[in-house]
Amino acid sequence: MAEEATPIAEFSRQLLRGGKRVRAQLCWWGREAVAGGALPGPVDVDAVVTVAAALEVFHAAALVHDDLIDSSDTRRGFPSAHRRFERLHVERGYAGDPASFGRGAAILLGDLLQSWSDDLLTDGIRLIAEERGEAVRTEFERMRLEVTAGQYLDLVEERAWPTVLEAEALPRAERVILYKSAKYSVEAPLVIGAGLGGGDATQIAALRAFGVPLGIAFQLRDDLLGVFGDPAVTGKPAGDDLVEGKRTVLIAHARSLLPVGSRRLLDELLGDPELTAEQVRMLQTTIRDSGAVDRVEATIADQVAAARAALVRAPFDLRAREALEALIGPLTERVS
């Protein structure tokens, strides 16, 4: 690789070094859930680890593009990719606009990570039977389609909210959660893992029944952290979703509960990139006092209960059920 292209590899390594590896863990336990207690052989391990890595690299690509779309300055406590490329432009004395260079380079980095993800997926499914490989690739492609559609729906909601009827705001926000995160972050990795293990239709349906409500609870927690999370823990600025103007389930609930004057102020300030720390604190207090946080917490509890109920009915051995049960707390009670 040319010396001037080395930042691509460097920034990729830095991005992939962080994170909780949620999708990789779910992929592994999706495979274990359908294996009936049989220990994986070396080839099985290689296949699952390689496909799990493909999931994580795809997620890194999605984060690069997501940060670019949202104009986010940070990711996991470090500058986001487009900001790093901006800084590189300045440090090396390149001609032209640093911001334009940063955006273009980040798009290319995200595209490259997607390409690497597909290479890893291909390497992984080569290690298993052809029919299993076809099932895994089909689910992986469905995941990519759904999360891209979900990302677009999220983008639309940030701009289209003045044209949306009040009664439609919450269902539309819930639809974004389903496709941008719940299916992508939890359901799909579980089902991809099950495909690697040769899971049957009943087992895969059980994983979907468990994964979707768990994924919804996972994203609802993320939405709360996006408004109230501790920057020292989340690696994102305080109230980051308020600055970005995210029209989440939390915001839909707040708008439905607030009096007209407070709702108008929320709409006026939400998404203002120049929000001061004092304004962020004021919005946080307004949202909390509205009762919206309590509603979201109640929904998280309901979705966790639904996931647990699905797990009780699932045709998995005790070890697999206990392992999946152990993932619920870290995914839905986290602080980052």
C-alpha atoms as a PDB file:
ATOM      1  CA  MET A   1       0.000   0.000   0.000  1.00  0.00           C
ATOM      2  CA  ALA A   2       1.205   3.524  -0.790  1.00  0.00           C
ATOM      3  CA  GLU A   3       2.504   5.408   2.234  1.00  0.00           C
ATOM      4  CA  GLU A   4      -0.139   8.126   1.883  1.00  0.00           C
ATOM      5  CA  ALA A   5      -2.884   5.474   2.188  1.00  0.00           C
ATOM      6  CA  THR A   6      -1.641   4.092   5.527  1.00  0.00           C
ATOM      7  CA  PRO A   7      -4.097   6.223   7.575  1.00  0.00           C
ATOM      8  CA  ILE A   8      -6.914   4.052   6.213  1.00  0.00           C
ATOM      9  CA  ALA A   9      -5.415   0.955   7.812  1.00  0.00           C
ATOM     10  CA  GLU A  10      -4.486   2.847  10.976  1.00  0.00           C
ATOM     11  CA  PHE A  11      -7.953   4.351  11.479  1.00  0.00           C
ATOM     12  CA  SER A  12      -9.563   0.980  10.740  1.00  0.00           C
ATOM     13  CA  ARG A  13      -7.504  -0.743  13.423  1.00  0.00           C
ATOM     14  CA  GLN A  14      -8.312   1.952  15.960  1.00  0.00           C
ATOM     15  CA  LEU A  15     -12.024   1.718  15.253  1.00  0.00           C
ATOM     16  CA  LEU A  16     -12.109  -2.082  15.379  1.00  0.00           C
ATOM     17  CA  ARG A  17     -10.096  -2.151  18.599  1.00  0.00           C
ATOM     18  CA  GLY A  18     -13.023  -0.761  20.626  1.00  0.00           C
ATOM     19  CA  GLY A  19     -16.618  -1.807  21.158  1.00  0.00           C
ATOM     20  CA  LYS A  20     -18.413  -4.479  23.128  1.00  0.00           C
ATOM     21  CA  ARG A  21     -18.401  -7.222  20.435  1.00  0.00           C
ATOM     22  CA  VAL A  22     -22.143  -7.690  21.027  1.00  0.00           C
ATOM     23  CA  ARG A  23     -22.839  -9.018  17.537  1.00  0.00           C
ATOM     24  CA  ALA A  24     -19.943 -11.447  17.652  1.00  0.00           C
ATOM     25  CA  GLN A  25     -21.126 -12.858  20.983  1.00  0.00           C
ATOM     26  CA  LEU A  26     -24.686 -13.244  19.736  1.00  0.00           C
ATOM     27  CA  CYS A  27     -23.462 -14.986  16.592  1.00  0.00           C
ATOM     28  CA  TRP A  28     -21.528 -17.488  18.713  1.00  0.00           C
ATOM     29  CA  TRP A  29     -24.454 -18.207  21.012  1.00  0.00           C
ATOM     30  CA  GLY A  30     -26.861 -18.449  18.101  1.00  0.00           C
ATOM     31  CA  ARG A  31     -24.727 -21.290  16.823  1.00  0.00           C
ATOM     32  CA  GLU A  32     -24.446 -22.870  20.275  1.00  0.00           C
ATOM     33  CA  ALA A  33     -28.216 -22.654  20.823  1.00  0.00           C
ATOM     34  CA  VAL A  34     -28.964 -24.943  17.877  1.00  0.00           C
ATOM     35  CA  ALA A  35     -26.021 -27.299  18.421  1.00  0.00           C
ATOM     36  CA  GLY A  36     -27.728 -29.378  21.103  1.00  0.00           C
ATOM     37  CA  GLY A  37     -24.718 -29.311  23.409  1.00  0.00           C
ATOM     38  CA  ALA A  38     -22.325 -30.724  20.807  1.00  0.00           C
ATOM     39  CA  LEU A  39     -18.879 -29.193  21.159  1.00  0.00           C
ATOM     40  CA  PRO A  40     -17.742 -27.315  18.047  1.00  0.00           C
ATOM     41  CA  GLY A  41     -14.802 -28.738  16.131  1.00  0.00           C
ATOM     42  CA  PRO A  42     -11.890 -26.623  14.874  1.00  0.00           C
ATOM     43  CA  VAL A  43     -13.595 -25.959  11.533  1.00  0.00           C
ATOM     44  CA  ASP A  44     -16.836 -24.929  13.260  1.00  0.00           C
ATOM     45  CA  VAL A  45     -14.921 -22.530  15.496  1.00  0.00           C
ATOM     46  CA  ASP A  46     -13.065 -21.024  12.533  1.00  0.00           C
ATOM     47  CA  ALA A  47     -16.313 -20.546  10.621  1.00  0.00           C
ATOM     48  CA  VAL A  48     -18.146 -18.878  13.502  1.00  0.00           C
ATOM     49  CA  VAL A  49     -15.214 -16.655  14.456  1.00  0.00           C
ATOM     50  CA  THR A  50     -14.704 -15.544  10.851  1.00  0.00           C
ATOM     51  CA  VAL A  51     -18.374 -14.738  10.270  1.00  0.00           C
ATOM     52  CA  ALA A  52     -18.565 -13.034  13.677  1.00  0.00           C
ATOM     53  CA  ALA A  53     -15.609 -10.912  12.596  1.00  0.00           C
ATOM     54  CA  ALA A  54     -17.503 -10.069   9.394  1.00  0.00           C
ATOM     55  CA  LEU A  55     -20.374  -8.788  11.533  1.00  0.00           C
ATOM     56  CA  GLU A  56     -18.053  -6.605  13.588  1.00  0.00           C
ATOM     57  CA  VAL A  57     -16.287  -5.161  10.541  1.00  0.00           C
ATOM     58  CA  PHE A  58     -19.646  -4.407   8.915  1.00  0.00           C
ATOM     59  CA  HIS A  59     -20.695  -2.685  12.131  1.00  0.00           C
ATOM     60  CA  ALA A  60     -17.546  -0.569  12.015  1.00  0.00           C
ATOM     61  CA  ALA A  61     -18.458   0.471   8.476  1.00  0.00           C
ATOM     62  CA  ALA A  62     -21.951   1.405   9.622  1.00  0.00           C
ATOM     63  CA  LEU A  63     -20.510   3.507  12.458  1.00  0.00           C
ATOM     64  CA  VAL A  64     -18.252   5.438  10.095  1.00  0.00           C
ATOM     65  CA  HIS A  65     -21.177   6.278   7.820  1.00  0.00           C
ATOM     66  CA  ASP A  66     -23.530   6.922  10.753  1.00  0.00           C
ATOM     67  CA  ASP A  67     -21.131   9.420  12.326  1.00  0.00           C
ATOM     68  CA  LEU A  68     -20.769  11.149   8.980  1.00  0.00           C
ATOM     69  CA  ILE A  69     -24.547  11.389   8.486  1.00  0.00           C
ATOM     70  CA  ASP A  70     -25.024  12.698  12.031  1.00  0.00           C
ATOM     71  CA  SER A  71     -21.984  15.028  11.932  1.00  0.00           C
ATOM     72  CA  SER A  72     -20.784  13.349  15.134  1.00  0.00           C
ATOM     73  CA  ASP A  73     -17.451  14.552  16.442  1.00  0.00           C
ATOM     74  CA  THR A  74     -16.607  11.527  18.586  1.00  0.00           C
ATOM     75  CA  ARG A  75     -16.897   7.756  18.662  1.00  0.00           C
ATOM     76  CA  ARG A  76     -15.951   5.693  21.717  1.00  0.00           C
ATOM     77  CA  GLY A  77     -14.178   8.647  23.274  1.00  0.00           C
ATOM     78  CA  PHE A  78     -12.041   9.411  20.201  1.00  0.00           C
ATOM     79  CA  PRO A  79     -12.571  11.635  17.160  1.00  0.00           C
ATOM     80  CA  SER A  80     -14.910  10.091  14.594  1.00  0.00           C
ATOM     81  CA  ALA A  81     -13.393   8.970  11.287  1.00  0.00           C
ATOM     82  CA  HIS A  82     -14.286  12.046   9.243  1.00  0.00           C
ATOM     83  CA  ARG A  83     -12.876  14.294  11.990  1.00  0.00           C
ATOM     84  CA  ARG A  84      -9.638  12.291  12.004  1.00  0.00           C
ATOM     85  CA  PHE A  85      -9.296  12.728   8.262  1.00  0.00           C
ATOM     86  CA  GLU A  86      -9.990  16.457   8.661  1.00  0.00           C
ATOM     87  CA  ARG A  87      -7.166  16.678  11.186  1.00  0.00           C
ATOM     88  CA  LEU A  88      -4.885  14.698   8.853  1.00  0.00           C
ATOM     89  CA  HIS A  89      -5.616  17.193   6.068  1.00  0.00           C
ATOM     90  CA  VAL A  90      -4.604  20.090   8.300  1.00  0.00           C
ATOM     91  CA  GLU A  91      -1.524  18.383   9.753  1.00  0.00           C
ATOM     92  CA  ARG A  92      -0.149  17.477   6.314  1.00  0.00           C
ATOM     93  CA  GLY A  93      -0.899  20.852   4.777  1.00  0.00           C
ATOM     94  CA  TYR A  94      -3.111  19.535   1.986  1.00  0.00           C
ATOM     95  CA  ALA A  95      -4.860  21.967  -0.353  1.00  0.00           C
ATOM     96  CA  GLY A  96      -8.581  22.630  -0.257  1.00  0.00           C
ATOM     97  CA  ASP A  97     -11.244  22.248   2.413  1.00  0.00           C
ATOM     98  CA  PRO A  98     -10.410  19.903   5.344  1.00  0.00           C
ATOM     99  CA  ALA A  99     -14.086  19.147   6.014  1.00  0.00           C
ATOM    100  CA  SER A 100     -14.702  18.095   2.410  1.00  0.00           C
ATOM    101  CA  PHE A 101     -11.623  15.861   2.482  1.00  0.00           C
ATOM    102  CA  GLY A 102     -12.766  14.353   5.781  1.00  0.00           C
ATOM    103  CA  ARG A 103     -16.219  13.516   4.448  1.00  0.00           C
ATOM    104  CA  GLY A 104     -14.905  11.969   1.245  1.00  0.00           C
ATOM    105  CA  ALA A 105     -12.249   9.907   3.001  1.00  0.00           C
ATOM    106  CA  ALA A 106     -14.761   8.645   5.601  1.00  0.00           C
ATOM    107  CA  ILE A 107     -17.157   7.512   2.876  1.00  0.00           C
ATOM    108  CA  LEU A 108     -14.325   5.553   1.276  1.00  0.00           C
ATOM    109  CA  LEU A 109     -13.244   4.082   4.622  1.00  0.00           C
ATOM    110  CA  GLY A 110     -16.789   2.902   5.321  1.00  0.00           C
ATOM    111  CA  ASP A 111     -17.042   1.389   1.837  1.00  0.00           C
ATOM    112  CA  LEU A 112     -13.714  -0.372   2.290  1.00  0.00           C
ATOM    113  CA  LEU A 113     -14.805  -1.820   5.648  1.00  0.00           C
ATOM    114  CA  GLN A 114     -17.971  -3.131   4.006  1.00  0.00           C
ATOM    115  CA  SER A 115     -15.847  -4.806   1.347  1.00  0.00           C
ATOM    116  CA  TRP A 116     -13.605  -6.406   3.992  1.00  0.00           C
ATOM    117  CA  SER A 117     -16.707  -7.587   5.820  1.00  0.00           C
ATOM    118  CA  ASP A 118     -17.962  -9.345   2.706  1.00  0.00           C
ATOM    119  CA  ASP A 119     -14.557 -10.968   2.185  1.00  0.00           C
ATOM    120  CA  LEU A 120     -14.659 -12.341   5.739  1.00  0.00           C
ATOM    121  CA  LEU A 121     -18.209 -13.594   5.267  1.00  0.00           C
ATOM    122  CA  THR A 122     -17.166 -15.453   2.115  1.00  0.00           C
ATOM    123  CA  ASP A 123     -14.151 -16.973   3.882  1.00  0.00           C
ATOM    124  CA  GLY A 124     -16.338 -18.125   6.773  1.00  0.00           C
ATOM    125  CA  ILE A 125     -19.087 -19.794   4.785  1.00  0.00           C
ATOM    126  CA  ARG A 126     -16.547 -21.636   2.655  1.00  0.00           C
ATOM    127  CA  LEU A 127     -15.787 -23.690   5.757  1.00  0.00           C
ATOM    128  CA  ILE A 128     -19.315 -25.076   6.147  1.00  0.00           C
ATOM    129  CA  ALA A 129     -21.751 -27.091   4.055  1.00  0.00           C
ATOM    130  CA  GLU A 130     -23.087 -25.310   0.992  1.00  0.00           C
ATOM    131  CA  GLU A 131     -26.719 -25.204   2.107  1.00  0.00           C
ATOM    132  CA  ARG A 132     -25.733 -23.714   5.455  1.00  0.00           C
ATOM    133  CA  GLY A 133     -23.553 -21.151   3.717  1.00  0.00           C
ATOM    134  CA  GLU A 134     -26.445 -20.075   1.500  1.00  0.00           C
ATOM    135  CA  ALA A 135     -28.678 -19.598   4.542  1.00  0.00           C
ATOM    136  CA  VAL A 136     -26.018 -17.532   6.315  1.00  0.00           C
ATOM    137  CA  ARG A 137     -25.380 -15.301   3.307  1.00  0.00           C
ATOM    138  CA  THR A 138     -29.111 -14.778   2.778  1.00  0.00           C
ATOM    139  CA  GLU A 139     -29.549 -13.637   6.383  1.00  0.00           C
ATOM    140  CA  PHE A 140     -26.445 -11.438   6.222  1.00  0.00           C
ATOM    141  CA  GLU A 141     -27.748  -9.748   3.073  1.00  0.00           C
ATOM    142  CA  ARG A 142     -31.164  -9.262   4.673  1.00  0.00           C
ATOM    143  CA  MET A 143     -29.469  -7.651   7.661  1.00  0.00           C
ATOM    144  CA  ARG A 144     -27.569  -5.211   5.439  1.00  0.00           C
ATOM    145  CA  LEU A 145     -30.730  -4.287   3.555  1.00  0.00           C
ATOM    146  CA  GLU A 146     -32.784  -3.766   6.705  1.00  0.00           C
ATOM    147  CA  VAL A 147     -30.220  -1.692   8.573  1.00  0.00           C
ATOM    148  CA  THR A 148     -29.680   0.530   5.529  1.00  0.00           C
ATOM    149  CA  ALA A 149     -33.440   1.041   5.247  1.00  0.00           C
ATOM    150  CA  GLY A 150     -33.587   1.701   8.992  1.00  0.00           C
ATOM    151  CA  GLN A 151     -30.819   4.271   8.727  1.00  0.00           C
ATOM    152  CA  TYR A 152     -32.745   6.032   5.973  1.00  0.00           C
ATOM    153  CA  LEU A 153     -35.940   6.001   8.056  1.00  0.00           C
ATOM    154  CA  ASP A 154     -33.969   7.563  10.921  1.00  0.00           C
ATOM    155  CA  LEU A 155     -32.669  10.258   8.589  1.00  0.00           C
ATOM    156  CA  VAL A 156     -36.203  10.948   7.353  1.00  0.00           C
ATOM    157  CA  GLU A 157     -37.613  11.264  10.880  1.00  0.00           C
ATOM    158  CA  GLU A 158     -35.072  13.944  11.794  1.00  0.00           C
ATOM    159  CA  ARG A 159     -36.365  16.076   8.909  1.00  0.00           C
ATOM    160  CA  ALA A 160     -39.969  15.014   8.347  1.00  0.00           C
ATOM    161  CA  TRP A 161     -41.293  15.397  11.899  1.00  0.00           C
ATOM    162  CA  PRO A 162     -43.116  18.735  11.257  1.00  0.00           C
ATOM    163  CA  THR A 163     -45.219  16.975   8.588  1.00  0.00           C
ATOM    164  CA  VAL A 164     -46.069  13.920  10.731  1.00  0.00           C
ATOM    165  CA  LEU A 165     -49.403  13.629  12.521  1.00  0.00           C
ATOM    166  CA  GLU A 166     -49.037  13.464  16.307  1.00  0.00           C
ATOM    167  CA  ALA A 167     -50.600   9.987  16.428  1.00  0.00           C
ATOM    168  CA  GLU A 168     -48.026   8.674  13.942  1.00  0.00           C
ATOM    169  CA  ALA A 169     -44.866   9.924  15.681  1.00  0.00           C
ATOM    170  CA  LEU A 170     -44.483   7.037  18.139  1.00  0.00           C
ATOM    171  CA  PRO A 171     -45.173   4.196  15.637  1.00  0.00           C
ATOM    172  CA  ARG A 172     -42.709   5.749  13.201  1.00  0.00           C
ATOM    173  CA  ALA A 173     -40.024   6.014  15.908  1.00  0.00           C
ATOM    174  CA  GLU A 174     -40.676   2.393  16.884  1.00  0.00           C
ATOM    175  CA  ARG A 175     -40.241   1.319  13.263  1.00  0.00           C
ATOM    176  CA  VAL A 176     -36.832   3.005  13.142  1.00  0.00           C
ATOM    177  CA  ILE A 177     -35.809   1.080  16.270  1.00  0.00           C
ATOM    178  CA  LEU A 178     -36.934  -2.219  14.762  1.00  0.00           C
ATOM    179  CA  TYR A 179     -34.997  -1.943  11.518  1.00  0.00           C
ATOM    180  CA  LYS A 180     -32.039   0.251  12.411  1.00  0.00           C
ATOM    181  CA  SER A 181     -31.122  -1.597  15.583  1.00  0.00           C
ATOM    182  CA  ALA A 182     -33.300  -4.390  16.995  1.00  0.00           C
ATOM    183  CA  LYS A 183     -33.129  -6.699  14.006  1.00  0.00           C
ATOM    184  CA  TYR A 184     -29.619  -5.616  13.063  1.00  0.00           C
ATOM    185  CA  SER A 185     -27.951  -5.663  16.466  1.00  0.00           C
ATOM    186  CA  VAL A 186     -29.546  -8.738  18.037  1.00  0.00           C
ATOM    187  CA  GLU A 187     -31.893 -10.801  15.875  1.00  0.00           C
ATOM    188  CA  ALA A 188     -29.695 -11.060  12.774  1.00  0.00           C
ATOM    189  CA  PRO A 189     -26.457 -12.073  14.567  1.00  0.00           C
ATOM    190  CA  LEU A 190     -28.355 -14.784  16.460  1.00  0.00           C
ATOM    191  CA  VAL A 191     -29.934 -16.146  13.284  1.00  0.00           C
ATOM    192  CA  ILE A 192     -26.663 -15.968  11.358  1.00  0.00           C
ATOM    193  CA  GLY A 193     -25.024 -18.003  14.108  1.00  0.00           C
ATOM    194  CA  ALA A 194     -27.886 -20.487  14.004  1.00  0.00           C
ATOM    195  CA  GLY A 195     -27.413 -20.805  10.247  1.00  0.00           C
ATOM    196  CA  LEU A 196     -23.756 -21.674  10.794  1.00  0.00           C
ATOM    197  CA  GLY A 197     -24.886 -24.432  13.159  1.00  0.00           C
ATOM    198  CA  GLY A 198     -27.541 -25.792  10.808  1.00  0.00           C
ATOM    199  CA  GLY A 199     -30.499 -24.643  12.903  1.00  0.00           C
ATOM    200  CA  ASP A 200     -33.949 -25.750  11.757  1.00  0.00           C
ATOM    201  CA  ALA A 201     -36.955 -23.501  11.154  1.00  0.00           C
ATOM    202  CA  THR A 202     -38.349 -23.983  14.659  1.00  0.00           C
ATOM    203  CA  GLN A 203     -35.053 -23.077  16.321  1.00  0.00           C
ATOM    204  CA  ILE A 204     -34.567 -20.015  14.134  1.00  0.00           C
ATOM    205  CA  ALA A 205     -38.123 -18.838  14.811  1.00  0.00           C
ATOM    206  CA  ALA A 206     -37.411 -19.155  18.540  1.00  0.00           C
ATOM    207  CA  LEU A 207     -34.261 -17.062  18.191  1.00  0.00           C
ATOM    208  CA  ARG A 208     -36.205 -14.388  16.314  1.00  0.00           C
ATOM    209  CA  ALA A 209     -38.885 -14.366  19.014  1.00  0.00           C
ATOM    210  CA  PHE A 210     -36.135 -13.859  21.606  1.00  0.00           C
ATOM    211  CA  GLY A 211     -33.975 -11.495  19.588  1.00  0.00           C
ATOM    212  CA  VAL A 212     -36.478  -8.885  18.435  1.00  0.00           C
ATOM    213  CA  PRO A 213     -37.784  -7.792  21.865  1.00  0.00           C
ATOM    214  CA  LEU A 214     -34.261  -7.960  23.288  1.00  0.00           C
ATOM    215  CA  GLY A 215     -33.055  -5.790  20.416  1.00  0.00           C
ATOM    216  CA  ILE A 216     -35.813  -3.259  21.019  1.00  0.00           C
ATOM    217  CA  ALA A 217     -34.875  -3.053  24.701  1.00  0.00           C
ATOM    218  CA  PHE A 218     -31.202  -2.717  23.725  1.00  0.00           C
ATOM    219  CA  GLN A 219     -31.912   0.280  21.489  1.00  0.00           C
ATOM    220  CA  LEU A 220     -34.294   1.941  23.933  1.00  0.00           C
ATOM    221  CA  ARG A 221     -31.504   1.836  26.506  1.00  0.00           C
ATOM    222  CA  ASP A 222     -29.200   3.350  23.906  1.00  0.00           C
ATOM    223  CA  ASP A 223     -31.705   6.150  23.316  1.00  0.00           C
ATOM    224  CA  LEU A 224     -31.759   6.951  27.041  1.00  0.00           C
ATOM    225  CA  LEU A 225     -27.964   6.970  27.130  1.00  0.00           C
ATOM    226  CA  GLY A 226     -27.913   9.264  24.098  1.00  0.00           C
ATOM    227  CA  VAL A 227     -29.704  11.887  26.188  1.00  0.00           C
ATOM    228  CA  PHE A 228     -28.678  11.149  29.779  1.00  0.00           C
ATOM    229  CA  GLY A 229     -25.475   9.093  29.505  1.00  0.00           C
ATOM    230  CA  ASP A 230     -22.252  10.060  31.282  1.00  0.00           C
ATOM    231  CA  PRO A 231     -19.773  11.268  28.616  1.00  0.00           C
ATOM    232  CA  ALA A 232     -16.877   9.740  30.571  1.00  0.00           C
ATOM    233  CA  VAL A 233     -18.529   6.334  30.156  1.00  0.00           C
ATOM    234  CA  THR A 234     -20.319   6.560  26.801  1.00  0.00           C
ATOM    235  CA  GLY A 235     -17.494   8.315  24.957  1.00  0.00           C
ATOM    236  CA  LYS A 236     -20.036  10.760  23.479  1.00  0.00           C
ATOM    237  CA  PRO A 237     -20.834  14.342  24.529  1.00  0.00           C
ATOM    238  CA  ALA A 238     -23.622  14.915  27.052  1.00  0.00           C
ATOM    239  CA  GLY A 239     -27.021  14.987  25.359  1.00  0.00           C
ATOM    240  CA  ASP A 240     -25.524  14.005  22.015  1.00  0.00           C
ATOM    241  CA  ASP A 241     -28.877  12.845  20.603  1.00  0.00           C
ATOM    242  CA  LEU A 242     -30.380  16.222  21.513  1.00  0.00           C
ATOM    243  CA  VAL A 243     -27.730  18.043  19.511  1.00  0.00           C
ATOM    244  CA  GLU A 244     -28.184  15.652  16.580  1.00  0.00           C
ATOM    245  CA  GLY A 245     -31.977  16.018  16.709  1.00  0.00           C
ATOM    246  CA  LYS A 246     -32.801  12.320  17.014  1.00  0.00           C
ATOM    247  CA  ARG A 247     -36.575  11.752  16.899  1.00  0.00           C
ATOM    248  CA  THR A 248     -36.538   8.691  19.120  1.00  0.00           C
ATOM    249  CA  VAL A 249     -39.264   6.896  21.060  1.00  0.00           C
ATOM    250  CA  LEU A 250     -38.138   8.925  24.075  1.00  0.00           C
ATOM    251  CA  ILE A 251     -38.769  12.188  22.230  1.00  0.00           C
ATOM    252  CA  ALA A 252     -42.102  10.959  20.846  1.00  0.00           C
ATOM    253  CA  HIS A 253     -43.264  10.204  24.390  1.00  0.00           C
ATOM    254  CA  ALA A 254     -41.992  13.546  25.684  1.00  0.00           C
ATOM    255  CA  ARG A 255     -43.795  15.497  22.966  1.00  0.00           C
ATOM    256  CA  SER A 256     -47.059  13.666  23.682  1.00  0.00           C
ATOM    257  CA  LEU A 257     -46.809  14.431  27.403  1.00  0.00           C
ATOM    258  CA  LEU A 258     -45.580  18.030  27.392  1.00  0.00           C
ATOM    259  CA  PRO A 259     -47.847  21.084  27.365  1.00  0.00           C
ATOM    260  CA  VAL A 260     -47.911  23.070  24.127  1.00  0.00           C
ATOM    261  CA  GLY A 261     -45.382  25.704  25.222  1.00  0.00           C
ATOM    262  CA  SER A 262     -42.794  23.188  26.435  1.00  0.00           C
ATOM    263  CA  ARG A 263     -43.312  21.046  23.340  1.00  0.00           C
ATOM    264  CA  ARG A 264     -42.699  24.070  21.116  1.00  0.00           C
ATOM    265  CA  LEU A 265     -39.469  24.826  22.974  1.00  0.00           C
ATOM    266  CA  LEU A 266     -38.337  21.208  22.643  1.00  0.00           C
ATOM    267  CA  ASP A 267     -38.980  21.300  18.904  1.00  0.00           C
ATOM    268  CA  GLU A 268     -37.132  24.596  18.595  1.00  0.00           C
ATOM    269  CA  LEU A 269     -33.995  23.439  20.401  1.00  0.00           C
ATOM    270  CA  LEU A 270     -33.800  19.774  19.374  1.00  0.00           C
ATOM    271  CA  GLY A 271     -31.194  19.360  16.659  1.00  0.00           C
ATOM    272  CA  ASP A 272     -29.525  22.740  17.187  1.00  0.00           C
ATOM    273  CA  PRO A 273     -25.773  22.104  16.752  1.00  0.00           C
ATOM    274  CA  GLU A 274     -25.053  25.193  18.867  1.00  0.00           C
ATOM    275  CA  LEU A 275     -26.853  23.931  21.988  1.00  0.00           C
ATOM    276  CA  THR A 276     -25.107  25.141  25.128  1.00  0.00           C
ATOM    277  CA  ALA A 277     -24.441  22.911  28.124  1.00  0.00           C
ATOM    278  CA  GLU A 278     -27.132  24.810  30.011  1.00  0.00           C
ATOM    279  CA  GLN A 279     -29.675  24.225  27.250  1.00  0.00           C
ATOM    280  CA  VAL A 280     -28.803  20.523  27.177  1.00  0.00           C
ATOM    281  CA  ARG A 281     -29.406  20.288  30.926  1.00  0.00           C
ATOM    282  CA  MET A 282     -32.691  22.149  30.555  1.00  0.00           C
ATOM    283  CA  LEU A 283     -33.884  19.758  27.846  1.00  0.00           C
ATOM    284  CA  GLN A 284     -32.803  16.763  29.923  1.00  0.00           C
ATOM    285  CA  THR A 285     -34.849  18.052  32.857  1.00  0.00           C
ATOM    286  CA  THR A 286     -37.846  18.796  30.638  1.00  0.00           C
ATOM    287  CA  ILE A 287     -37.827  15.311  29.160  1.00  0.00           C
ATOM    288  CA  ARG A 288     -37.357  13.590  32.510  1.00  0.00           C
ATOM    289  CA  ASP A 289     -40.063  15.645  34.229  1.00  0.00           C
ATOM    290  CA  SER A 290     -42.524  14.910  31.415  1.00  0.00           C
ATOM    291  CA  GLY A 291     -42.638  11.233  32.413  1.00  0.00           C
ATOM    292  CA  ALA A 292     -41.153  10.089  29.090  1.00  0.00           C
ATOM    293  CA  VAL A 293     -38.210   8.327  30.768  1.00  0.00           C
ATOM    294  CA  ASP A 294     -40.580   6.320  32.949  1.00  0.00           C
ATOM    295  CA  ARG A 295     -42.521   5.230  29.873  1.00  0.00           C
ATOM    296  CA  VAL A 296     -39.375   4.118  28.088  1.00  0.00           C
ATOM    297  CA  GLU A 297     -38.156   2.229  31.158  1.00  0.00           C
ATOM    298  CA  ALA A 298     -41.536   0.473  31.358  1.00  0.00           C
ATOM    299  CA  THR A 299     -41.266  -0.519  27.699  1.00  0.00           C
ATOM    300  CA  ILE A 300     -37.747  -1.849  28.264  1.00  0.00           C
ATOM    301  CA  ALA A 301     -39.068  -3.985  31.129  1.00  0.00           C
ATOM    302  CA  ASP A 302     -41.924  -5.280  28.950  1.00  0.00           C
ATOM    303  CA  GLN A 303     -39.583  -6.169  26.091  1.00  0.00           C
ATOM    304  CA  VAL A 304     -37.146  -7.924  28.434  1.00  0.00           C
ATOM    305  CA  ALA A 305     -40.053  -9.924  29.851  1.00  0.00           C
ATOM    306  CA  ALA A 306     -41.103 -10.885  26.318  1.00  0.00           C
ATOM    307  CA  ALA A 307     -37.561 -12.009  25.486  1.00  0.00           C
ATOM    308  CA  ARG A 308     -37.373 -14.106  28.642  1.00  0.00           C
ATOM    309  CA  ALA A 309     -40.758 -15.694  27.923  1.00  0.00           C
ATOM    310  CA  ALA A 310     -39.621 -16.594  24.413  1.00  0.00           C
ATOM    311  CA  LEU A 311     -36.460 -18.134  25.830  1.00  0.00           C
ATOM    312  CA  VAL A 312     -38.433 -20.330  28.237  1.00  0.00           C
ATOM    313  CA  ARG A 313     -40.379 -21.754  25.275  1.00  0.00           C
ATOM    314  CA  ALA A 314     -37.325 -22.129  23.032  1.00  0.00           C
ATOM    315  CA  PRO A 315     -36.216 -25.637  21.988  1.00  0.00           C
ATOM    316  CA  PHE A 316     -32.676 -25.226  23.307  1.00  0.00           C
ATOM    317  CA  ASP A 317     -30.744 -27.106  25.948  1.00  0.00           C
ATOM    318  CA  LEU A 318     -30.281 -25.640  29.421  1.00  0.00           C
ATOM    319  CA  ARG A 319     -26.727 -24.474  28.772  1.00  0.00           C
ATOM    320  CA  ALA A 320     -27.756 -22.453  25.707  1.00  0.00           C
ATOM    321  CA  ARG A 321     -30.774 -20.931  27.452  1.00  0.00           C
ATOM    322  CA  GLU A 322     -28.645 -19.909  30.435  1.00  0.00           C
ATOM    323  CA  ALA A 323     -26.034 -18.341  28.149  1.00  0.00           C
ATOM    324  CA  LEU A 324     -28.658 -16.366  26.248  1.00  0.00           C
ATOM    325  CA  GLU A 325     -30.311 -15.340  29.512  1.00  0.00           C
ATOM    326  CA  ALA A 326     -26.934 -14.057  30.744  1.00  0.00           C
ATOM    327  CA  LEU A 327     -26.754 -11.657  27.786  1.00  0.00           C
ATOM    328  CA  ILE A 328     -29.999  -9.861  28.672  1.00  0.00           C
ATOM    329  CA  GLY A 329     -28.671  -7.804  31.576  1.00  0.00           C
ATOM    330  CA  PRO A 330     -25.528  -6.495  29.846  1.00  0.00           C
ATOM    331  CA  LEU A 331     -27.543  -5.509  26.778  1.00  0.00           C
ATOM    332  CA  THR A 332     -30.413  -3.752  28.528  1.00  0.00           C
ATOM    333  CA  GLU A 333     -28.993  -2.445  31.823  1.00  0.00           C
ATOM    334  CA  ARG A 334     -25.745  -1.012  30.445  1.00  0.00           C
ATOM    335  CA  VAL A 335     -24.343   2.456  31.048  1.00  0.00           C
ATOM    336  CA  SER A 336     -22.406   2.775  27.782  1.00  0.00           C
END
